[in-house]
N, C-alpha and C. Protein backbone atom coordinates (compact mmCIF):
# COMPACT_ATOMS: atom_id res chain seq x y z
N MET A 1 -105.01 108.93 -142.56
CA MET A 1 -105.30 107.74 -141.85
C MET A 1 -104.51 106.55 -142.34
N ALA A 2 -104.23 106.53 -143.60
CA ALA A 2 -103.44 105.44 -144.16
C ALA A 2 -102.03 105.45 -143.59
N TRP A 3 -101.56 106.68 -143.31
CA TRP A 3 -100.23 106.76 -142.72
C TRP A 3 -100.21 106.20 -141.30
N ILE A 4 -101.21 106.33 -140.60
CA ILE A 4 -101.28 105.83 -139.23
C ILE A 4 -101.28 104.30 -139.26
N TYR A 5 -102.08 103.74 -140.18
CA TYR A 5 -102.08 102.28 -140.29
C TYR A 5 -100.70 101.76 -140.74
N ALA A 6 -100.07 102.46 -141.62
CA ALA A 6 -98.75 102.07 -142.10
C ALA A 6 -97.73 102.14 -140.97
N LEU A 7 -97.80 103.20 -140.14
CA LEU A 7 -96.88 103.33 -139.01
C LEU A 7 -97.15 102.25 -137.96
N LEU A 8 -98.42 101.92 -137.72
CA LEU A 8 -98.74 100.86 -136.76
C LEU A 8 -98.24 99.50 -137.27
N ILE A 9 -98.45 99.23 -138.52
CA ILE A 9 -97.98 97.96 -139.08
C ILE A 9 -96.46 97.91 -139.07
N LEU A 10 -95.81 99.04 -139.37
CA LEU A 10 -94.35 99.10 -139.36
C LEU A 10 -93.82 98.87 -137.95
N SER A 11 -94.43 99.52 -136.96
CA SER A 11 -93.96 99.35 -135.57
C SER A 11 -94.22 97.92 -135.10
N ALA A 12 -95.37 97.33 -135.48
CA ALA A 12 -95.65 95.95 -135.11
C ALA A 12 -94.64 95.01 -135.78
N GLY A 13 -94.30 95.30 -137.03
CA GLY A 13 -93.30 94.50 -137.73
C GLY A 13 -91.93 94.59 -137.09
N ILE A 14 -91.59 95.78 -136.62
CA ILE A 14 -90.30 95.96 -135.94
C ILE A 14 -90.27 95.18 -134.63
N VAL A 15 -91.36 95.23 -133.87
CA VAL A 15 -91.43 94.50 -132.60
C VAL A 15 -91.35 93.00 -132.86
N ILE A 16 -92.12 92.52 -133.83
CA ILE A 16 -92.10 91.08 -134.14
C ILE A 16 -90.73 90.68 -134.68
N GLY A 17 -90.14 91.52 -135.51
CA GLY A 17 -88.80 91.22 -136.06
C GLY A 17 -87.74 91.17 -134.97
N ALA A 18 -87.81 92.11 -134.01
CA ALA A 18 -86.86 92.13 -132.90
C ALA A 18 -87.02 90.87 -132.04
N PHE A 19 -88.27 90.49 -131.79
CA PHE A 19 -88.55 89.29 -131.01
C PHE A 19 -88.02 88.04 -131.73
N ALA A 20 -88.26 87.95 -133.03
CA ALA A 20 -87.79 86.80 -133.82
C ALA A 20 -86.26 86.76 -133.86
N ALA A 21 -85.63 87.92 -134.01
CA ALA A 21 -84.17 87.98 -134.04
C ALA A 21 -83.58 87.54 -132.71
N ARG A 22 -84.26 87.91 -131.64
CA ARG A 22 -83.78 87.52 -130.32
C ARG A 22 -83.86 86.01 -130.14
N LEU A 23 -84.94 85.40 -130.56
CA LEU A 23 -85.06 83.94 -130.48
C LEU A 23 -84.03 83.26 -131.40
N GLY A 24 -83.84 83.79 -132.57
CA GLY A 24 -82.88 83.22 -133.52
C GLY A 24 -81.45 83.33 -133.04
N ASN A 25 -81.12 84.41 -132.36
CA ASN A 25 -79.77 84.60 -131.85
C ASN A 25 -79.40 83.59 -130.78
N LYS A 26 -80.37 83.18 -129.97
CA LYS A 26 -80.09 82.19 -128.92
C LYS A 26 -79.64 80.88 -129.54
N SER A 27 -80.35 80.43 -130.56
CA SER A 27 -79.94 79.17 -131.18
C SER A 27 -78.64 79.36 -131.96
N LEU A 28 -78.46 80.51 -132.59
CA LEU A 28 -77.22 80.78 -133.30
C LEU A 28 -76.05 80.86 -132.32
N LYS A 29 -76.29 81.47 -131.18
CA LYS A 29 -75.26 81.57 -130.15
C LYS A 29 -74.90 80.18 -129.63
N GLN A 30 -75.93 79.34 -129.44
CA GLN A 30 -75.68 77.97 -128.99
C GLN A 30 -74.86 77.21 -130.04
N GLN A 31 -75.20 77.38 -131.30
CA GLN A 31 -74.47 76.71 -132.37
C GLN A 31 -73.01 77.15 -132.38
N LYS A 32 -72.79 78.45 -132.20
CA LYS A 32 -71.42 78.95 -132.18
C LYS A 32 -70.65 78.38 -130.99
N GLU A 33 -71.31 78.31 -129.83
CA GLU A 33 -70.66 77.75 -128.65
C GLU A 33 -70.36 76.27 -128.84
N LEU A 34 -71.31 75.54 -129.43
CA LEU A 34 -71.08 74.11 -129.67
C LEU A 34 -69.94 73.90 -130.67
N LYS A 35 -69.89 74.71 -131.70
CA LYS A 35 -68.80 74.60 -132.67
C LYS A 35 -67.47 74.92 -132.02
N LYS A 36 -67.46 75.93 -131.16
CA LYS A 36 -66.25 76.29 -130.45
C LYS A 36 -65.79 75.14 -129.54
N ASP A 37 -66.75 74.54 -128.82
CA ASP A 37 -66.43 73.39 -127.97
C ASP A 37 -65.93 72.20 -128.79
N LEU A 38 -66.55 71.98 -129.95
CA LEU A 38 -66.13 70.89 -130.82
C LEU A 38 -64.71 71.11 -131.32
N ASP A 39 -64.41 72.31 -131.76
CA ASP A 39 -63.06 72.62 -132.22
C ASP A 39 -62.03 72.45 -131.10
N LYS A 40 -62.41 72.89 -129.91
CA LYS A 40 -61.52 72.75 -128.75
C LYS A 40 -61.27 71.28 -128.45
N SER A 41 -62.34 70.48 -128.50
CA SER A 41 -62.20 69.04 -128.23
C SER A 41 -61.34 68.36 -129.29
N LYS A 42 -61.51 68.74 -130.55
CA LYS A 42 -60.69 68.17 -131.61
C LYS A 42 -59.22 68.52 -131.40
N TYR A 43 -58.95 69.76 -131.02
CA TYR A 43 -57.58 70.18 -130.77
C TYR A 43 -56.96 69.41 -129.61
N GLU A 44 -57.72 69.25 -128.53
CA GLU A 44 -57.23 68.51 -127.37
C GLU A 44 -56.99 67.04 -127.72
N LEU A 45 -57.87 66.46 -128.53
CA LEU A 45 -57.69 65.08 -128.96
C LEU A 45 -56.44 64.93 -129.80
N GLU A 46 -56.19 65.85 -130.69
CA GLU A 46 -54.99 65.81 -131.53
C GLU A 46 -53.73 65.96 -130.67
N GLN A 47 -53.78 66.84 -129.67
CA GLN A 47 -52.64 66.98 -128.76
C GLN A 47 -52.41 65.69 -127.99
N TYR A 48 -53.49 65.07 -127.53
CA TYR A 48 -53.37 63.82 -126.79
C TYR A 48 -52.77 62.73 -127.67
N ARG A 49 -53.20 62.65 -128.92
CA ARG A 49 -52.65 61.65 -129.84
C ARG A 49 -51.15 61.89 -130.05
N GLN A 50 -50.77 63.14 -130.22
CA GLN A 50 -49.35 63.45 -130.42
C GLN A 50 -48.54 63.09 -129.18
N GLU A 51 -49.07 63.38 -128.00
CA GLU A 51 -48.38 63.00 -126.77
C GLU A 51 -48.25 61.50 -126.66
N LEU A 52 -49.27 60.77 -127.08
CA LEU A 52 -49.25 59.32 -127.05
C LEU A 52 -48.20 58.76 -128.00
N VAL A 53 -48.11 59.33 -129.20
CA VAL A 53 -47.09 58.91 -130.16
C VAL A 53 -45.70 59.18 -129.60
N ASP A 54 -45.50 60.36 -129.03
CA ASP A 54 -44.21 60.71 -128.44
C ASP A 54 -43.86 59.77 -127.29
N HIS A 55 -44.86 59.44 -126.48
CA HIS A 55 -44.65 58.53 -125.34
C HIS A 55 -44.18 57.16 -125.83
N PHE A 56 -44.86 56.61 -126.84
CA PHE A 56 -44.50 55.29 -127.33
C PHE A 56 -43.14 55.31 -128.03
N ALA A 57 -42.81 56.39 -128.71
CA ALA A 57 -41.50 56.50 -129.34
C ALA A 57 -40.39 56.52 -128.29
N CYS A 58 -40.61 57.29 -127.25
CA CYS A 58 -39.63 57.36 -126.16
C CYS A 58 -39.52 56.01 -125.44
N SER A 59 -40.66 55.36 -125.20
CA SER A 59 -40.65 54.06 -124.54
C SER A 59 -39.92 53.02 -125.38
N ALA A 60 -40.14 53.04 -126.69
CA ALA A 60 -39.46 52.10 -127.57
C ALA A 60 -37.95 52.31 -127.54
N GLU A 61 -37.54 53.58 -127.52
CA GLU A 61 -36.10 53.88 -127.46
C GLU A 61 -35.50 53.40 -126.14
N LEU A 62 -36.22 53.63 -125.04
CA LEU A 62 -35.72 53.19 -123.74
C LEU A 62 -35.65 51.66 -123.66
N LEU A 63 -36.66 50.99 -124.19
CA LEU A 63 -36.63 49.52 -124.19
C LEU A 63 -35.49 48.99 -125.07
N ASP A 64 -35.23 49.66 -126.16
CA ASP A 64 -34.11 49.25 -127.01
C ASP A 64 -32.80 49.41 -126.27
N ASN A 65 -32.65 50.52 -125.54
CA ASN A 65 -31.44 50.73 -124.74
C ASN A 65 -31.30 49.66 -123.66
N ILE A 66 -32.41 49.31 -123.02
CA ILE A 66 -32.39 48.27 -121.99
C ILE A 66 -31.95 46.95 -122.60
N ALA A 67 -32.48 46.61 -123.77
CA ALA A 67 -32.13 45.35 -124.43
C ALA A 67 -30.65 45.32 -124.78
N LYS A 68 -30.12 46.43 -125.28
CA LYS A 68 -28.69 46.48 -125.62
C LYS A 68 -27.83 46.35 -124.37
N ASP A 69 -28.22 47.06 -123.31
CA ASP A 69 -27.46 46.98 -122.06
C ASP A 69 -27.52 45.57 -121.48
N TYR A 70 -28.68 44.95 -121.53
CA TYR A 70 -28.82 43.59 -121.03
C TYR A 70 -27.95 42.63 -121.83
N SER A 71 -27.93 42.80 -123.13
CA SER A 71 -27.11 41.94 -123.98
C SER A 71 -25.63 42.13 -123.67
N LYS A 72 -25.21 43.38 -123.47
CA LYS A 72 -23.81 43.65 -123.12
C LYS A 72 -23.46 43.02 -121.78
N LEU A 73 -24.36 43.14 -120.81
CA LEU A 73 -24.13 42.56 -119.50
C LEU A 73 -24.04 41.04 -119.60
N TYR A 74 -24.94 40.44 -120.36
CA TYR A 74 -24.93 38.99 -120.49
C TYR A 74 -23.65 38.52 -121.18
N GLU A 75 -23.22 39.24 -122.20
CA GLU A 75 -21.98 38.90 -122.90
C GLU A 75 -20.80 39.00 -121.94
N HIS A 76 -20.78 40.05 -121.14
CA HIS A 76 -19.71 40.23 -120.16
C HIS A 76 -19.70 39.08 -119.16
N MET A 77 -20.86 38.71 -118.66
CA MET A 77 -20.96 37.62 -117.68
C MET A 77 -20.52 36.29 -118.30
N ALA A 78 -20.90 36.06 -119.54
CA ALA A 78 -20.54 34.82 -120.20
C ALA A 78 -19.03 34.72 -120.40
N LYS A 79 -18.41 35.81 -120.83
CA LYS A 79 -16.96 35.79 -121.07
C LYS A 79 -16.18 35.66 -119.76
N THR A 80 -16.58 36.45 -118.77
CA THR A 80 -15.82 36.43 -117.52
C THR A 80 -16.07 35.17 -116.71
N SER A 81 -17.18 34.51 -116.88
CA SER A 81 -17.44 33.28 -116.12
C SER A 81 -16.45 32.19 -116.53
N THR A 82 -16.12 32.11 -117.80
CA THR A 82 -15.13 31.12 -118.22
C THR A 82 -13.72 31.53 -117.84
N GLU A 83 -13.44 32.84 -117.82
CA GLU A 83 -12.12 33.31 -117.45
C GLU A 83 -11.86 33.18 -115.95
N LEU A 84 -12.87 33.51 -115.14
CA LEU A 84 -12.70 33.50 -113.68
C LEU A 84 -12.83 32.11 -113.08
N MET A 85 -13.56 31.23 -113.74
CA MET A 85 -13.74 29.87 -113.24
C MET A 85 -13.39 28.87 -114.35
N PRO A 86 -12.11 28.76 -114.70
CA PRO A 86 -11.75 27.89 -115.82
C PRO A 86 -11.95 26.41 -115.52
N ASN A 87 -11.88 26.01 -114.26
CA ASN A 87 -11.99 24.60 -113.91
C ASN A 87 -13.43 24.16 -113.63
N LEU A 88 -14.36 25.06 -113.76
CA LEU A 88 -15.76 24.75 -113.50
C LEU A 88 -16.30 23.89 -114.65
N PRO A 89 -16.93 22.76 -114.32
CA PRO A 89 -17.50 21.93 -115.40
C PRO A 89 -18.57 22.70 -116.17
N GLU A 90 -18.71 22.35 -117.45
CA GLU A 90 -19.64 23.09 -118.31
C GLU A 90 -21.07 23.02 -117.82
N GLN A 91 -21.49 21.88 -117.26
CA GLN A 91 -22.87 21.76 -116.81
C GLN A 91 -23.17 22.63 -115.60
N ASP A 92 -22.14 23.04 -114.84
CA ASP A 92 -22.33 23.91 -113.68
C ASP A 92 -22.30 25.39 -114.04
N ASN A 93 -21.75 25.73 -115.20
CA ASN A 93 -21.67 27.12 -115.63
C ASN A 93 -22.98 27.49 -116.32
N PRO A 94 -23.74 28.43 -115.76
CA PRO A 94 -25.04 28.77 -116.37
C PRO A 94 -24.92 29.44 -117.73
N PHE A 95 -23.75 29.94 -118.05
CA PHE A 95 -23.57 30.63 -119.33
C PHE A 95 -22.96 29.74 -120.41
N SER A 96 -22.55 28.53 -120.06
CA SER A 96 -21.80 27.70 -121.00
C SER A 96 -22.61 27.32 -122.24
N ARG A 97 -23.89 27.07 -122.09
CA ARG A 97 -24.70 26.68 -123.25
C ARG A 97 -24.88 27.83 -124.22
N ARG A 98 -24.85 29.01 -123.73
CA ARG A 98 -25.17 30.17 -124.57
C ARG A 98 -23.95 30.93 -125.05
N ILE A 99 -22.78 30.60 -124.59
CA ILE A 99 -21.58 31.34 -125.00
C ILE A 99 -21.34 31.19 -126.49
N SER A 100 -21.52 29.99 -127.03
CA SER A 100 -21.23 29.77 -128.44
C SER A 100 -22.23 30.48 -129.34
N THR A 101 -23.47 30.67 -128.88
CA THR A 101 -24.48 31.31 -129.73
C THR A 101 -24.60 32.80 -129.47
N LEU A 102 -23.81 33.31 -128.55
CA LEU A 102 -23.91 34.72 -128.18
C LEU A 102 -23.28 35.59 -129.26
N GLU A 103 -24.03 36.58 -129.73
CA GLU A 103 -23.52 37.53 -130.71
C GLU A 103 -23.13 38.81 -130.01
N SER A 104 -22.10 39.42 -130.49
CA SER A 104 -21.65 40.68 -129.91
C SER A 104 -22.62 41.80 -130.24
N VAL A 105 -22.94 42.61 -129.25
CA VAL A 105 -23.85 43.73 -129.47
C VAL A 105 -23.20 44.77 -130.36
N GLN A 106 -21.90 44.95 -130.23
CA GLN A 106 -21.23 45.93 -131.08
C GLN A 106 -21.30 45.52 -132.54
N GLN A 107 -21.23 44.23 -132.83
CA GLN A 107 -21.30 43.77 -134.22
C GLN A 107 -22.68 44.04 -134.80
N ILE A 108 -23.71 43.92 -134.00
CA ILE A 108 -25.06 44.17 -134.47
C ILE A 108 -25.28 45.67 -134.64
N ALA A 109 -24.81 46.45 -133.69
CA ALA A 109 -25.08 47.89 -133.69
C ALA A 109 -24.31 48.64 -134.77
N GLU A 110 -23.06 48.24 -135.02
CA GLU A 110 -22.24 48.96 -135.98
C GLU A 110 -22.39 48.36 -137.37
N PRO A 111 -22.68 49.17 -138.36
CA PRO A 111 -22.79 48.63 -139.72
C PRO A 111 -21.42 48.25 -140.28
N ILE A 112 -21.40 47.28 -141.14
CA ILE A 112 -20.16 46.82 -141.76
C ILE A 112 -19.90 47.72 -142.96
N HIS A 113 -18.67 48.25 -143.02
CA HIS A 113 -18.33 49.18 -144.09
C HIS A 113 -17.51 48.53 -145.19
N ASP A 114 -17.25 47.21 -145.10
CA ASP A 114 -16.48 46.53 -146.14
C ASP A 114 -17.33 46.37 -147.38
N GLN A 115 -16.67 46.52 -148.53
CA GLN A 115 -17.38 46.31 -149.78
C GLN A 115 -17.48 44.81 -150.04
N PRO A 116 -18.56 44.38 -150.66
CA PRO A 116 -18.68 42.95 -150.95
C PRO A 116 -17.68 42.55 -152.04
N ARG A 117 -17.19 41.32 -151.90
CA ARG A 117 -16.24 40.80 -152.90
C ARG A 117 -17.02 40.17 -154.04
N ASP A 118 -16.43 40.18 -155.22
CA ASP A 118 -17.08 39.55 -156.36
C ASP A 118 -16.45 38.20 -156.69
N TYR A 119 -15.78 37.60 -155.70
CA TYR A 119 -15.20 36.27 -155.87
C TYR A 119 -15.34 35.52 -154.56
N ALA A 120 -15.19 34.19 -154.63
CA ALA A 120 -15.32 33.35 -153.44
C ALA A 120 -13.93 32.91 -152.99
N ASN A 121 -13.83 32.54 -151.72
CA ASN A 121 -12.58 32.00 -151.20
C ASN A 121 -12.44 30.56 -151.69
N GLY A 122 -11.37 30.24 -152.35
CA GLY A 122 -11.13 28.88 -152.79
C GLY A 122 -11.98 28.50 -153.98
N ALA A 123 -11.85 27.26 -154.38
CA ALA A 123 -12.57 26.77 -155.55
C ALA A 123 -13.99 26.39 -155.18
N THR A 124 -14.89 26.57 -156.12
CA THR A 124 -16.28 26.17 -155.92
C THR A 124 -16.73 25.39 -157.14
N GLY A 125 -17.83 24.68 -157.00
CA GLY A 125 -18.39 23.97 -158.15
C GLY A 125 -17.61 22.73 -158.52
N LEU A 126 -17.27 22.54 -159.81
CA LEU A 126 -16.60 21.34 -160.31
C LEU A 126 -15.17 21.23 -159.82
N LEU A 127 -14.51 22.34 -159.64
CA LEU A 127 -13.10 22.32 -159.26
C LEU A 127 -12.88 22.26 -157.76
N LYS A 128 -13.91 22.08 -156.99
CA LYS A 128 -13.80 22.11 -155.54
C LYS A 128 -12.96 20.95 -155.00
N GLY A 129 -13.04 19.78 -155.61
CA GLY A 129 -12.35 18.60 -155.10
C GLY A 129 -10.85 18.59 -155.35
N GLY A 130 -10.34 19.34 -156.25
CA GLY A 130 -8.91 19.37 -156.52
C GLY A 130 -8.56 18.49 -157.71
N PRO A 131 -7.26 18.17 -157.90
CA PRO A 131 -6.81 17.42 -159.06
C PRO A 131 -7.33 15.99 -159.11
N GLU A 132 -7.55 15.35 -157.96
CA GLU A 132 -8.04 13.97 -157.95
C GLU A 132 -9.39 13.87 -158.64
N LYS A 133 -10.27 14.79 -158.37
CA LYS A 133 -11.61 14.77 -158.96
C LYS A 133 -11.54 15.01 -160.46
N LEU A 134 -10.60 15.83 -160.90
CA LEU A 134 -10.46 16.08 -162.33
C LEU A 134 -10.06 14.81 -163.06
N GLU A 135 -9.11 14.04 -162.49
CA GLU A 135 -8.69 12.80 -163.11
C GLU A 135 -9.83 11.78 -163.13
N GLU A 136 -10.63 11.73 -162.03
CA GLU A 136 -11.74 10.79 -161.97
C GLU A 136 -12.80 11.14 -163.01
N SER A 137 -13.05 12.44 -163.19
CA SER A 137 -14.06 12.85 -164.16
C SER A 137 -13.60 12.59 -165.59
N LYS A 138 -12.28 12.68 -165.87
CA LYS A 138 -11.76 12.39 -167.20
C LYS A 138 -11.80 10.90 -167.49
N ALA A 139 -11.54 10.10 -166.44
CA ALA A 139 -11.53 8.64 -166.60
C ALA A 139 -12.94 8.10 -166.89
N SER A 140 -13.94 8.69 -166.37
CA SER A 140 -15.30 8.18 -166.58
C SER A 140 -15.95 8.70 -167.78
């Protein structure tokens, strides 16, 4: 008789265990699905961020090209306006005010390869004035 009670308790335990495992698996399955969705969302967000960085890098490069082209065009217009209309008064030439301050785009874009000099052109400091200043300084 003890064996019968043991078998009944064992079978009841198996049924209850199976029922509990089934309930536990649903929440575990949901957790796995949520984690999978979270990982997928993180991956998509990272891809979106990378696309955004690439977009802004490309846009910056295009804007830089536009600025260089605009500067070249403006320089061309400024130079040719004085060549094609030499008798035009300065106040009528829209480029006349800016021609003197216009910098060449090629000078900005290309690096200078000359080595710096370790001396200055001409005299500097006390000897800048020439022989007259030397005589005046000796006299005083």
